[in-house]
């Protein structure tokens, strides 16, 4: 199970996927963001190879400027606010969690992330 997330000034957005995050999952997440957030989007992300994929590039280009992409410098996770969300979730919300199935972990993590959405600080 993998998690993709984004943060704005007012909310966090997230989605779980089975397996690794690849270009099709990124496009699906970008589509969900574009449907949820009206207006132009500026996406700032790290150097994950899938972020630079042809599929993602073609999808973004098809939107005629609705989504702009910028890259963070290499080896600078401290510049990415989502990394702090991931760290907090792994250490505080999911640390020492003992559930029976990955589906239970996903449901629990979804509840905790939704709870964090309601706490803007």
PDB file of N, CA and C in Angstrom:
ATOM      1  N   UNK A   1       0.844  -1.170   0.000  1.00  0.00           N
ATOM      2  CA  UNK A   1       0.000   0.000   0.000  1.00  0.00           C
ATOM      3  C   UNK A   1       0.893   1.238   0.000  1.00  0.00           C
ATOM      4  N   UNK A   2       0.545   2.211  -0.843  1.00  0.00           N
ATOM      5  CA  UNK A   2       1.287   3.463  -0.918  1.00  0.00           C
ATOM      6  C   UNK A   2       0.326   4.632  -0.745  1.00  0.00           C
ATOM      7  N   UNK A   3       0.876   5.732  -0.283  1.00  0.00           N
ATOM      8  CA  UNK A   3       0.096   6.941  -0.044  1.00  0.00           C
ATOM      9  C   UNK A   3       0.678   8.063  -0.875  1.00  0.00           C
ATOM     10  N   UNK A   4      -0.191   8.790  -1.551  1.00  0.00           N
ATOM     11  CA  UNK A   4       0.205  10.021  -2.221  1.00  0.00           C
ATOM     12  C   UNK A   4      -0.582  11.139  -1.549  1.00  0.00           C
ATOM     13  N   UNK A   5       0.082  12.254  -1.312  1.00  0.00           N
ATOM     14  CA  UNK A   5      -0.589  13.352  -0.618  1.00  0.00           C
ATOM     15  C   UNK A   5      -0.090  14.688  -1.138  1.00  0.00           C
ATOM     16  N   UNK A   6      -0.904  15.680  -0.921  1.00  0.00           N
ATOM     17  CA  UNK A   6      -0.554  17.050  -1.245  1.00  0.00           C
ATOM     18  C   UNK A   6      -1.099  17.950  -0.159  1.00  0.00           C
ATOM     19  N   UNK A   7      -0.480  19.098  -0.006  1.00  0.00           N
ATOM     20  CA  UNK A   7      -0.907  20.050   1.019  1.00  0.00           C
ATOM     21  C   UNK A   7      -1.099  21.414   0.386  1.00  0.00           C
ATOM     22  N   UNK A   8      -2.157  22.068   0.806  1.00  0.00           N
ATOM     23  CA  UNK A   8      -2.371  23.457   0.430  1.00  0.00           C
ATOM     24  C   UNK A   8      -2.358  24.266   1.725  1.00  0.00           C
ATOM     25  N   UNK A   9      -2.612  25.534   1.615  1.00  0.00           N
ATOM     26  CA  UNK A   9      -2.641  26.377   2.822  1.00  0.00           C
ATOM     27  C   UNK A   9      -3.818  26.030   3.725  1.00  0.00           C
ATOM     28  N   UNK A  10      -4.821  25.378   3.202  1.00  0.00           N
ATOM     29  CA  UNK A  10      -6.036  25.142   3.973  1.00  0.00           C
ATOM     30  C   UNK A  10      -6.418  23.682   4.134  1.00  0.00           C
ATOM     31  N   UNK A  11      -5.736  22.757   3.456  1.00  0.00           N
ATOM     32  CA  UNK A  11      -6.177  21.363   3.525  1.00  0.00           C
ATOM     33  C   UNK A  11      -5.080  20.428   3.035  1.00  0.00           C
ATOM     34  N   UNK A  12      -5.176  19.169   3.474  1.00  0.00           N
ATOM     35  CA  UNK A  12      -4.337  18.128   2.888  1.00  0.00           C
ATOM     36  C   UNK A  12      -5.238  17.240   2.024  1.00  0.00           C
ATOM     37  N   UNK A  13      -4.651  16.735   0.972  1.00  0.00           N
ATOM     38  CA  UNK A  13      -5.349  15.852   0.042  1.00  0.00           C
ATOM     39  C   UNK A  13      -4.542  14.569  -0.027  1.00  0.00           C
ATOM     40  N   UNK A  14      -5.215  13.433  -0.038  1.00  0.00           N
ATOM     41  CA  UNK A  14      -4.475  12.173  -0.054  1.00  0.00           C
ATOM     42  C   UNK A  14      -5.280  11.086  -0.725  1.00  0.00           C
ATOM     43  N   UNK A  15      -4.546  10.056  -1.129  1.00  0.00           N
ATOM     44  CA  UNK A  15      -5.160   8.890  -1.732  1.00  0.00           C
ATOM     45  C   UNK A  15      -4.219   7.708  -1.542  1.00  0.00           C
ATOM     46  N   UNK A  16      -4.791   6.563  -1.215  1.00  0.00           N
ATOM     47  CA  UNK A  16      -4.029   5.320  -1.078  1.00  0.00           C
ATOM     48  C   UNK A  16      -4.118   4.521  -2.373  1.00  0.00           C
ATOM     49  N   UNK A  17      -3.045   3.814  -2.679  1.00  0.00           N
ATOM     50  CA  UNK A  17      -3.010   2.920  -3.829  1.00  0.00           C
ATOM     51  C   UNK A  17      -2.377   1.608  -3.402  1.00  0.00           C
ATOM     52  N   UNK A  18      -2.821   0.537  -4.014  1.00  0.00           N
ATOM     53  CA  UNK A  18      -2.168  -0.753  -3.805  1.00  0.00           C
ATOM     54  C   UNK A  18      -0.885  -0.758  -4.607  1.00  0.00           C
ATOM     55  N   UNK A  19       0.205  -1.162  -3.993  1.00  0.00           N
ATOM     56  CA  UNK A  19       1.486  -1.210  -4.685  1.00  0.00           C
ATOM     57  C   UNK A  19       2.155   0.149  -4.747  1.00  0.00           C
ATOM     58  N   UNK A  20       3.134   0.253  -5.641  1.00  0.00           N
ATOM     59  CA  UNK A  20       3.936   1.476  -5.757  1.00  0.00           C
ATOM     60  C   UNK A  20       3.177   2.553  -6.526  1.00  0.00           C
ATOM     61  N   UNK A  21       3.545   3.798  -6.245  1.00  0.00           N
ATOM     62  CA  UNK A  21       2.988   4.934  -6.976  1.00  0.00           C
ATOM     63  C   UNK A  21       3.764   5.066  -8.293  1.00  0.00           C
ATOM     64  N   UNK A  22       3.036   4.974  -9.386  1.00  0.00           N
ATOM     65  CA  UNK A  22       3.634   5.116 -10.712  1.00  0.00           C
ATOM     66  C   UNK A  22       2.844   6.171 -11.473  1.00  0.00           C
ATOM     67  N   UNK A  23       3.212   6.387 -12.725  1.00  0.00           N
ATOM     68  CA  UNK A  23       2.595   7.451 -13.520  1.00  0.00           C
ATOM     69  C   UNK A  23       1.062   7.380 -13.562  1.00  0.00           C
ATOM     70  N   UNK A  24       0.435   6.222 -13.777  1.00  0.00           N
ATOM     71  CA  UNK A  24      -1.038   6.201 -13.821  1.00  0.00           C
ATOM     72  C   UNK A  24      -1.676   6.664 -12.503  1.00  0.00           C
ATOM     73  N   UNK A  25      -1.069   6.299 -11.383  1.00  0.00           N
ATOM     74  CA  UNK A  25      -1.600   6.732 -10.092  1.00  0.00           C
ATOM     75  C   UNK A  25      -1.426   8.244  -9.917  1.00  0.00           C
ATOM     76  N   UNK A  26      -0.310   8.774 -10.397  1.00  0.00           N
ATOM     77  CA  UNK A  26      -0.101  10.226 -10.322  1.00  0.00           C
ATOM     78  C   UNK A  26      -1.143  10.965 -11.148  1.00  0.00           C
ATOM     79  N   UNK A  27      -1.419  10.484 -12.339  1.00  0.00           N
ATOM     80  CA  UNK A  27      -2.432  11.117 -13.173  1.00  0.00           C
ATOM     81  C   UNK A  27      -3.799  11.051 -12.491  1.00  0.00           C
ATOM     82  N   UNK A  28      -4.122   9.914 -11.913  1.00  0.00           N
ATOM     83  CA  UNK A  28      -5.398   9.783 -11.191  1.00  0.00           C
ATOM     84  C   UNK A  28      -5.485  10.790 -10.042  1.00  0.00           C
ATOM     85  N   UNK A  29      -4.394  10.948  -9.302  1.00  0.00           N
ATOM     86  CA  UNK A  29      -4.371  11.901  -8.192  1.00  0.00           C
ATOM     87  C   UNK A  29      -4.504  13.339  -8.718  1.00  0.00           C
ATOM     88  N   UNK A  30      -3.791  13.664  -9.784  1.00  0.00           N
ATOM     89  CA  UNK A  30      -3.894  15.009 -10.365  1.00  0.00           C
ATOM     90  C   UNK A  30      -5.316  15.280 -10.874  1.00  0.00           C
ATOM     91  N   UNK A  31      -5.950  14.268 -11.451  1.00  0.00           N
ATOM     92  CA  UNK A  31      -7.336  14.422 -11.908  1.00  0.00           C
ATOM     93  C   UNK A  31      -8.262  14.715 -10.725  1.00  0.00           C
ATOM     94  N   UNK A  32      -8.056  14.000  -9.625  1.00  0.00           N
ATOM     95  CA  UNK A  32      -8.875  14.227  -8.430  1.00  0.00           C
ATOM     96  C   UNK A  32      -8.640  15.625  -7.869  1.00  0.00           C
ATOM     97  N   UNK A  33      -7.386  16.073  -7.839  1.00  0.00           N
ATOM     98  CA  UNK A  33      -7.097  17.424  -7.368  1.00  0.00           C
ATOM     99  C   UNK A  33      -7.769  18.465  -8.255  1.00  0.00           C
ATOM    100  N   UNK A  34      -7.663  18.293  -9.565  1.00  0.00           N
ATOM    101  CA  UNK A  34      -8.252  19.252 -10.500  1.00  0.00           C
ATOM    102  C   UNK A  34      -9.774  19.287 -10.369  1.00  0.00           C
ATOM    103  N   UNK A  35     -10.382  18.152 -10.058  1.00  0.00           N
ATOM    104  CA  UNK A  35     -11.834  18.121  -9.874  1.00  0.00           C
ATOM    105  C   UNK A  35     -12.251  18.750  -8.553  1.00  0.00           C
ATOM    106  N   UNK A  36     -11.374  18.686  -7.554  1.00  0.00           N
ATOM    107  CA  UNK A  36     -11.690  19.193  -6.217  1.00  0.00           C
ATOM    108  C   UNK A  36     -11.382  20.674  -6.069  1.00  0.00           C
ATOM    109  N   UNK A  37     -10.267  21.100  -6.632  1.00  0.00           N
ATOM    110  CA  UNK A  37      -9.798  22.474  -6.475  1.00  0.00           C
ATOM    111  C   UNK A  37     -10.048  23.221  -7.780  1.00  0.00           C
ATOM    112  N   UNK A  38     -10.846  24.252  -7.719  1.00  0.00           N
ATOM    113  CA  UNK A  38     -11.139  25.034  -8.917  1.00  0.00           C
ATOM    114  C   UNK A  38     -10.014  26.034  -9.165  1.00  0.00           C
ATOM    115  N   UNK A  39      -9.803  26.399 -10.394  1.00  0.00           N
ATOM    116  CA  UNK A  39      -8.753  27.349 -10.736  1.00  0.00           C
ATOM    117  C   UNK A  39      -7.467  26.639 -11.076  1.00  0.00           C
ATOM    118  N   UNK A  40      -6.417  27.435 -11.253  1.00  0.00           N
ATOM    119  CA  UNK A  40      -5.116  26.881 -11.626  1.00  0.00           C
ATOM    120  C   UNK A  40      -4.427  26.257 -10.417  1.00  0.00           C
ATOM    121  N   UNK A  41      -3.655  25.215 -10.685  1.00  0.00           N
ATOM    122  CA  UNK A  41      -2.915  24.510  -9.637  1.00  0.00           C
ATOM    123  C   UNK A  41      -1.419  24.599  -9.911  1.00  0.00           C
ATOM    124  N   UNK A  42      -0.665  24.851  -8.873  1.00  0.00           N
ATOM    125  CA  UNK A  42       0.786  24.772  -8.935  1.00  0.00           C
ATOM    126  C   UNK A  42       1.188  23.571  -8.101  1.00  0.00           C
ATOM    127  N   UNK A  43       1.751  22.575  -8.742  1.00  0.00           N
ATOM    128  CA  UNK A  43       2.189  21.354  -8.068  1.00  0.00           C
ATOM    129  C   UNK A  43       3.701  21.432  -7.934  1.00  0.00           C
ATOM    130  N   UNK A  44       4.183  21.348  -6.704  1.00  0.00           N
ATOM    131  CA  UNK A  44       5.615  21.355  -6.428  1.00  0.00           C
ATOM    132  C   UNK A  44       5.951  19.995  -5.840  1.00  0.00           C
ATOM    133  N   UNK A  45       6.806  19.269  -6.531  1.00  0.00           N
ATOM    134  CA  UNK A  45       7.130  17.935  -6.033  1.00  0.00           C
ATOM    135  C   UNK A  45       8.584  17.589  -6.240  1.00  0.00           C
ATOM    136  N   UNK A  46       8.947  16.436  -5.670  1.00  0.00           N
ATOM    137  CA  UNK A  46      10.352  16.015  -5.689  1.00  0.00           C
ATOM    138  C   UNK A  46      10.693  15.323  -7.004  1.00  0.00           C
ATOM    139  N   UNK A  47      11.835  14.684  -7.047  1.00  0.00           N
ATOM    140  CA  UNK A  47      12.341  14.111  -8.278  1.00  0.00           C
ATOM    141  C   UNK A  47      11.966  12.665  -8.528  1.00  0.00           C
ATOM    142  N   UNK A  48      10.900  12.184  -7.945  1.00  0.00           N
ATOM    143  CA  UNK A  48      10.455  10.813  -8.202  1.00  0.00           C
ATOM    144  C   UNK A  48      10.376  10.593  -9.717  1.00  0.00           C
ATOM    145  N   UNK A  49      10.962   9.514 -10.220  1.00  0.00           N
ATOM    146  CA  UNK A  49      10.941   9.299 -11.673  1.00  0.00           C
ATOM    147  C   UNK A  49       9.539   9.361 -12.288  1.00  0.00           C
ATOM    148  N   UNK A  50       8.538   8.869 -11.586  1.00  0.00           N
ATOM    149  CA  UNK A  50       7.172   8.917 -12.126  1.00  0.00           C
ATOM    150  C   UNK A  50       6.689  10.346 -12.334  1.00  0.00           C
ATOM    151  N   UNK A  51       7.190  11.292 -11.532  1.00  0.00           N
ATOM    152  CA  UNK A  51       6.808  12.699 -11.709  1.00  0.00           C
ATOM    153  C   UNK A  51       7.261  13.237 -13.060  1.00  0.00           C
ATOM    154  N   UNK A  52       8.320  12.645 -13.601  1.00  0.00           N
ATOM    155  CA  UNK A  52       8.881  13.112 -14.873  1.00  0.00           C
ATOM    156  C   UNK A  52       8.439  12.253 -16.054  1.00  0.00           C
ATOM    157  N   UNK A  53       7.495  11.374 -15.840  1.00  0.00           N
ATOM    158  CA  UNK A  53       7.101  10.415 -16.881  1.00  0.00           C
ATOM    159  C   UNK A  53       6.378  11.100 -18.039  1.00  0.00           C
ATOM    160  N   UNK A  54       6.417  10.437 -19.169  1.00  0.00           N
ATOM    161  CA  UNK A  54       5.733  10.935 -20.364  1.00  0.00           C
ATOM    162  C   UNK A  54       4.223  11.010 -20.131  1.00  0.00           C
ATOM    163  N   UNK A  55       3.657  10.021 -19.461  1.00  0.00           N
ATOM    164  CA  UNK A  55       2.216   9.996 -19.201  1.00  0.00           C
ATOM    165  C   UNK A  55       1.785  11.216 -18.388  1.00  0.00           C
ATOM    166  N   UNK A  56       2.517  11.521 -17.331  1.00  0.00           N
ATOM    167  CA  UNK A  56       2.197  12.691 -16.497  1.00  0.00           C
ATOM    168  C   UNK A  56       2.367  13.968 -17.312  1.00  0.00           C
ATOM    169  N   UNK A  57       3.466  14.072 -18.026  1.00  0.00           N
ATOM    170  CA  UNK A  57       3.733  15.270 -18.835  1.00  0.00           C
ATOM    171  C   UNK A  57       2.622  15.484 -19.866  1.00  0.00           C
ATOM    172  N   UNK A  58       2.217  14.424 -20.564  1.00  0.00           N
ATOM    173  CA  UNK A  58       1.163  14.541 -21.572  1.00  0.00           C
ATOM    174  C   UNK A  58      -0.167  14.932 -20.943  1.00  0.00           C
ATOM    175  N   UNK A  59      -0.470  14.369 -19.766  1.00  0.00           N
ATOM    176  CA  UNK A  59      -1.720  14.739 -19.093  1.00  0.00           C
ATOM    177  C   UNK A  59      -1.712  16.223 -18.729  1.00  0.00           C
ATOM    178  N   UNK A  60      -0.639  16.680 -18.136  1.00  0.00           N
ATOM    179  CA  UNK A  60      -0.556  18.090 -17.725  1.00  0.00           C
ATOM    180  C   UNK A  60      -0.622  19.009 -18.946  1.00  0.00           C
ATOM    181  N   UNK A  61       0.075  18.657 -20.014  1.00  0.00           N
ATOM    182  CA  UNK A  61       0.037  19.469 -21.239  1.00  0.00           C
ATOM    183  C   UNK A  61      -1.362  19.512 -21.842  1.00  0.00           C
ATOM    184  N   UNK A  62      -2.147  18.454 -21.674  1.00  0.00           N
ATOM    185  CA  UNK A  62      -3.506  18.421 -22.229  1.00  0.00           C
ATOM    186  C   UNK A  62      -4.446  19.394 -21.524  1.00  0.00           C
ATOM    187  N   UNK A  63      -4.036  19.912 -20.378  1.00  0.00           N
ATOM    188  CA  UNK A  63      -4.897  20.811 -19.604  1.00  0.00           C
ATOM    189  C   UNK A  63      -4.689  22.278 -19.945  1.00  0.00           C
ATOM    190  N   UNK A  64      -3.818  22.577 -20.893  1.00  0.00           N
ATOM    191  CA  UNK A  64      -3.599  23.949 -21.367  1.00  0.00           C
ATOM    192  C   UNK A  64      -3.349  24.946 -20.238  1.00  0.00           C
ATOM    193  N   UNK A  65      -2.422  24.611 -19.350  1.00  0.00           N
ATOM    194  CA  UNK A  65      -2.021  25.542 -18.304  1.00  0.00           C
ATOM    195  C   UNK A  65      -2.813  25.470 -17.009  1.00  0.00           C
ATOM    196  N   UNK A  66      -3.768  24.583 -16.905  1.00  0.00           N
ATOM    197  CA  UNK A  66      -4.563  24.447 -15.663  1.00  0.00           C
ATOM    198  C   UNK A  66      -3.691  23.978 -14.507  1.00  0.00           C
ATOM    199  N   UNK A  67      -2.686  23.135 -14.808  1.00  0.00           N
ATOM    200  CA  UNK A  67      -1.742  22.655 -13.799  1.00  0.00           C
ATOM    201  C   UNK A  67      -0.334  23.027 -14.240  1.00  0.00           C
ATOM    202  N   UNK A  68       0.396  23.672 -13.351  1.00  0.00           N
ATOM    203  CA  UNK A  68       1.814  23.982 -13.585  1.00  0.00           C
ATOM    204  C   UNK A  68       2.634  23.113 -12.636  1.00  0.00           C
ATOM    205  N   UNK A  69       3.745  22.603 -13.134  1.00  0.00           N
ATOM    206  CA  UNK A  69       4.609  21.733 -12.340  1.00  0.00           C
ATOM    207  C   UNK A  69       5.945  22.409 -12.078  1.00  0.00           C
ATOM    208  N   UNK A  70       6.416  22.299 -10.850  1.00  0.00           N
ATOM    209  CA  UNK A  70       7.748  22.769 -10.458  1.00  0.00           C
ATOM    210  C   UNK A  70       8.398  21.659  -9.647  1.00  0.00           C
ATOM    211  N   UNK A  71       9.700  21.577  -9.715  1.00  0.00           N
ATOM    212  CA  UNK A  71      10.430  20.536  -9.001  1.00  0.00           C
ATOM    213  C   UNK A  71      11.229  21.124  -7.845  1.00  0.00           C
ATOM    214  N   UNK A  72      11.255  20.385  -6.767  1.00  0.00           N
ATOM    215  CA  UNK A  72      12.124  20.732  -5.650  1.00  0.00           C
ATOM    216  C   UNK A  72      13.554  20.354  -6.008  1.00  0.00           C
ATOM    217  N   UNK A  73      14.533  21.009  -5.398  1.00  0.00           N
ATOM    218  CA  UNK A  73      15.914  20.578  -5.634  1.00  0.00           C
ATOM    219  C   UNK A  73      16.123  19.156  -5.101  1.00  0.00           C
ATOM    220  N   UNK A  74      17.084  18.473  -5.677  1.00  0.00           N
ATOM    221  CA  UNK A  74      17.378  17.113  -5.237  1.00  0.00           C
ATOM    222  C   UNK A  74      17.867  17.073  -3.797  1.00  0.00           C
ATOM    223  N   UNK A  75      17.539  16.002  -3.099  1.00  0.00           N
ATOM    224  CA  UNK A  75      18.002  15.762  -1.727  1.00  0.00           C
ATOM    225  C   UNK A  75      17.623  16.903  -0.787  1.00  0.00           C
ATOM    226  N   UNK A  76      16.377  17.373  -0.885  1.00  0.00           N
ATOM    227  CA  UNK A  76      15.911  18.450  -0.014  1.00  0.00           C
ATOM    228  C   UNK A  76      14.517  18.130   0.534  1.00  0.00           C
ATOM    229  N   UNK A  77      14.348  16.984   1.209  1.00  0.00           N
ATOM    230  CA  UNK A  77      13.018  16.635   1.706  1.00  0.00           C
ATOM    231  C   UNK A  77      12.479  17.645   2.716  1.00  0.00           C
ATOM    232  N   UNK A  78      13.372  18.398   3.366  1.00  0.00           N
ATOM    233  CA  UNK A  78      12.904  19.383   4.341  1.00  0.00           C
ATOM    234  C   UNK A  78      12.123  20.515   3.686  1.00  0.00           C
ATOM    235  N   UNK A  79      12.210  20.665   2.383  1.00  0.00           N
ATOM    236  CA  UNK A  79      11.456  21.696   1.669  1.00  0.00           C
ATOM    237  C   UNK A  79      10.053  21.240   1.283  1.00  0.00           C
ATOM    238  N   UNK A  80       9.766  19.963   1.475  1.00  0.00           N
ATOM    239  CA  UNK A  80       8.482  19.400   1.076  1.00  0.00           C
ATOM    240  C   UNK A  80       7.600  19.194   2.309  1.00  0.00           C
ATOM    241  N   UNK A  81       6.564  20.028   2.489  1.00  0.00           N
ATOM    242  CA  UNK A  81       5.704  19.893   3.679  1.00  0.00           C
ATOM    243  C   UNK A  81       5.049  18.528   3.811  1.00  0.00           C
ATOM    244  N   UNK A  82       4.808  17.851   2.704  1.00  0.00           N
ATOM    245  CA  UNK A  82       4.173  16.535   2.767  1.00  0.00           C
ATOM    246  C   UNK A  82       5.070  15.533   3.474  1.00  0.00           C
ATOM    247  N   UNK A  83       6.384  15.701   3.388  1.00  0.00           N
ATOM    248  CA  UNK A  83       7.296  14.802   4.100  1.00  0.00           C
ATOM    249  C   UNK A  83       7.060  14.862   5.616  1.00  0.00           C
ATOM    250  N   UNK A  84       6.721  16.041   6.127  1.00  0.00           N
ATOM    251  CA  UNK A  84       6.418  16.172   7.559  1.00  0.00           C
ATOM    252  C   UNK A  84       5.111  15.464   7.901  1.00  0.00           C
ATOM    253  N   UNK A  85       4.140  15.543   6.997  1.00  0.00           N
ATOM    254  CA  UNK A  85       2.885  14.817   7.185  1.00  0.00           C
ATOM    255  C   UNK A  85       3.148  13.319   7.215  1.00  0.00           C
ATOM    256  N   UNK A  86       3.953  12.834   6.257  1.00  0.00           N
ATOM    257  CA  UNK A  86       4.281  11.404   6.223  1.00  0.00           C
ATOM    258  C   UNK A  86       5.007  10.986   7.500  1.00  0.00           C
ATOM    259  N   UNK A  87       5.983  11.774   7.927  1.00  0.00           N
ATOM    260  CA  UNK A  87       6.738  11.448   9.135  1.00  0.00           C
ATOM    261  C   UNK A  87       5.852  11.394  10.365  1.00  0.00           C
ATOM    262  N   UNK A  88       5.001  12.397  10.525  1.00  0.00           N
ATOM    263  CA  UNK A  88       4.083  12.427  11.670  1.00  0.00           C
ATOM    264  C   UNK A  88       3.154  11.217  11.638  1.00  0.00           C
ATOM    265  N   UNK A  89       2.605  10.929  10.468  1.00  0.00           N
ATOM    266  CA  UNK A  89       1.670   9.809  10.348  1.00  0.00           C
ATOM    267  C   UNK A  89       2.350   8.487  10.684  1.00  0.00           C
ATOM    268  N   UNK A  90       3.553   8.284  10.170  1.00  0.00           N
ATOM    269  CA  UNK A  90       4.263   7.028  10.424  1.00  0.00           C
ATOM    270  C   UNK A  90       4.656   6.884  11.889  1.00  0.00           C
ATOM    271  N   UNK A  91       5.159   7.959  12.494  1.00  0.00           N
ATOM    272  CA  UNK A  91       5.668   7.865  13.864  1.00  0.00           C
ATOM    273  C   UNK A  91       4.575   7.968  14.920  1.00  0.00           C
ATOM    274  N   UNK A  92       3.634   8.859  14.732  1.00  0.00           N
ATOM    275  CA  UNK A  92       2.639   9.126  15.780  1.00  0.00           C
ATOM    276  C   UNK A  92       1.332   8.382  15.586  1.00  0.00           C
ATOM    277  N   UNK A  93       0.803   8.448  14.382  1.00  0.00           N
ATOM    278  CA  UNK A  93      -0.523   7.882  14.143  1.00  0.00           C
ATOM    279  C   UNK A  93      -0.488   6.374  13.883  1.00  0.00           C
ATOM    280  N   UNK A  94       0.570   5.896  13.219  1.00  0.00           N
ATOM    281  CA  UNK A  94       0.629   4.482  12.854  1.00  0.00           C
ATOM    282  C   UNK A  94       1.720   3.717  13.581  1.00  0.00           C
ATOM    283  N   UNK A  95       2.554   4.402  14.336  1.00  0.00           N
ATOM    284  CA  UNK A  95       3.632   3.739  15.054  1.00  0.00           C
ATOM    285  C   UNK A  95       3.099   2.678  16.006  1.00  0.00           C
ATOM    286  N   UNK A  96       3.671   1.502  15.978  1.00  0.00           N
ATOM    287  CA  UNK A  96       3.291   0.374  16.839  1.00  0.00           C
ATOM    288  C   UNK A  96       1.867  -0.108  16.619  1.00  0.00           C
ATOM    289  N   UNK A  97       1.301   0.201  15.469  1.00  0.00           N
ATOM    290  CA  UNK A  97      -0.052  -0.244  15.147  1.00  0.00           C
ATOM    291  C   UNK A  97      -0.033  -1.737  14.843  1.00  0.00           C
ATOM    292  N   UNK A  98      -0.929  -2.489  15.469  1.00  0.00           N
ATOM    293  CA  UNK A  98      -1.000  -3.943  15.259  1.00  0.00           C
ATOM    294  C   UNK A  98      -2.412  -4.311  14.815  1.00  0.00           C
ATOM    295  N   UNK A  99      -2.600  -4.418  13.535  1.00  0.00           N
ATOM    296  CA  UNK A  99      -3.886  -4.828  12.980  1.00  0.00           C
ATOM    297  C   UNK A  99      -3.688  -6.111  12.179  1.00  0.00           C
ATOM    298  N   UNK A 100      -4.779  -6.755  11.850  1.00  0.00           N
ATOM    299  CA  UNK A 100      -4.722  -8.066  11.202  1.00  0.00           C
ATOM    300  C   UNK A 100      -4.438  -7.996   9.705  1.00  0.00           C
ATOM    301  N   UNK A 101      -5.010  -7.023   9.004  1.00  0.00           N
ATOM    302  CA  UNK A 101      -4.893  -6.996   7.546  1.00  0.00           C
ATOM    303  C   UNK A 101      -4.467  -5.608   7.069  1.00  0.00           C
ATOM    304  N   UNK A 102      -3.986  -5.557   5.833  1.00  0.00           N
ATOM    305  CA  UNK A 102      -3.611  -4.269   5.239  1.00  0.00           C
ATOM    306  C   UNK A 102      -4.860  -3.405   5.024  1.00  0.00           C
ATOM    307  N   UNK A 103      -6.014  -4.036   4.792  1.00  0.00           N
ATOM    308  CA  UNK A 103      -7.262  -3.290   4.635  1.00  0.00           C
ATOM    309  C   UNK A 103      -7.606  -2.550   5.930  1.00  0.00           C
ATOM    310  N   UNK A 104      -7.365  -3.193   7.078  1.00  0.00           N
ATOM    311  CA  UNK A 104      -7.609  -2.527   8.360  1.00  0.00           C
ATOM    312  C   UNK A 104      -6.650  -1.359   8.562  1.00  0.00           C
ATOM    313  N   UNK A 105      -5.404  -1.539   8.160  1.00  0.00           N
ATOM    314  CA  UNK A 105      -4.421  -0.450   8.264  1.00  0.00           C
ATOM    315  C   UNK A 105      -4.862   0.721   7.398  1.00  0.00           C
ATOM    316  N   UNK A 106      -5.317   0.414   6.199  1.00  0.00           N
ATOM    317  CA  UNK A 106      -5.770   1.472   5.281  1.00  0.00           C
ATOM    318  C   UNK A 106      -6.951   2.234   5.872  1.00  0.00           C
ATOM    319  N   UNK A 107      -7.937   1.526   6.411  1.00  0.00           N
ATOM    320  CA  UNK A 107      -9.104   2.194   7.014  1.00  0.00           C
ATOM    321  C   UNK A 107      -8.688   3.059   8.194  1.00  0.00           C
ATOM    322  N   UNK A 108      -7.820   2.521   9.039  1.00  0.00           N
ATOM    323  CA  UNK A 108      -7.357   3.277  10.200  1.00  0.00           C
ATOM    324  C   UNK A 108      -6.586   4.519   9.757  1.00  0.00           C
ATOM    325  N   UNK A 109      -5.663   4.350   8.815  1.00  0.00           N
ATOM    326  CA  UNK A 109      -4.859   5.480   8.333  1.00  0.00           C
ATOM    327  C   UNK A 109      -5.748   6.532   7.677  1.00  0.00           C
ATOM    328  N   UNK A 110      -6.745   6.112   6.934  1.00  0.00           N
ATOM    329  CA  UNK A 110      -7.679   7.062   6.308  1.00  0.00           C
ATOM    330  C   UNK A 110      -8.400   7.884   7.367  1.00  0.00           C
ATOM    331  N   UNK A 111      -8.861   7.223   8.430  1.00  0.00           N
ATOM    332  CA  UNK A 111      -9.532   7.962   9.523  1.00  0.00           C
ATOM    333  C   UNK A 111      -8.595   8.972  10.173  1.00  0.00           C
ATOM    334  N   UNK A 112      -7.349   8.566  10.408  1.00  0.00           N
ATOM    335  CA  UNK A 112      -6.397   9.467  11.062  1.00  0.00           C
ATOM    336  C   UNK A 112      -6.046  10.640  10.151  1.00  0.00           C
ATOM    337  N   UNK A 113      -5.855  10.396   8.865  1.00  0.00           N
ATOM    338  CA  UNK A 113      -5.558  11.484   7.931  1.00  0.00           C
ATOM    339  C   UNK A 113      -6.747  12.434   7.792  1.00  0.00           C
ATOM    340  N   UNK A 114      -7.947  11.894   7.761  1.00  0.00           N
ATOM    341  CA  UNK A 114      -9.136  12.768   7.700  1.00  0.00           C
ATOM    342  C   UNK A 114      -9.248  13.608   8.972  1.00  0.00           C
ATOM    343  N   UNK A 115      -8.877  13.029  10.083  1.00  0.00           N
ATOM    344  CA  UNK A 115      -8.866  13.792  11.332  1.00  0.00           C
ATOM    345  C   UNK A 115      -7.862  14.937  11.240  1.00  0.00           C
ATOM    346  N   UNK A 116      -6.703  14.671  10.645  1.00  0.00           N
ATOM    347  CA  UNK A 116      -5.691  15.728  10.484  1.00  0.00           C
ATOM    348  C   UNK A 116      -6.178  16.814   9.523  1.00  0.00           C
ATOM    349  N   UNK A 117      -7.020  16.447   8.556  1.00  0.00           N
ATOM    350  CA  UNK A 117      -7.556  17.449   7.636  1.00  0.00           C
ATOM    351  C   UNK A 117      -8.371  18.503   8.402  1.00  0.00           C
ATOM    352  N   UNK A 118      -8.994  18.082   9.488  1.00  0.00           N
ATOM    353  CA  UNK A 118      -9.844  18.992  10.267  1.00  0.00           C
ATOM    354  C   UNK A 118      -9.034  19.814  11.274  1.00  0.00           C
ATOM    355  N   UNK A 119      -7.735  19.568  11.350  1.00  0.00           N
ATOM    356  CA  UNK A 119      -6.857  20.314  12.257  1.00  0.00           C
ATOM    357  C   UNK A 119      -5.820  21.080  11.433  1.00  0.00           C
ATOM    358  N   UNK A 120      -6.132  22.287  11.006  1.00  0.00           N
ATOM    359  CA  UNK A 120      -5.244  23.000  10.098  1.00  0.00           C
ATOM    360  C   UNK A 120      -3.858  23.278  10.666  1.00  0.00           C
ATOM    361  N   UNK A 121      -3.700  23.345  11.983  1.00  0.00           N
ATOM    362  CA  UNK A 121      -2.373  23.591  12.556  1.00  0.00           C
ATOM    363  C   UNK A 121      -1.523  22.357  12.396  1.00  0.00           C
TER     364      UNK A 121
END
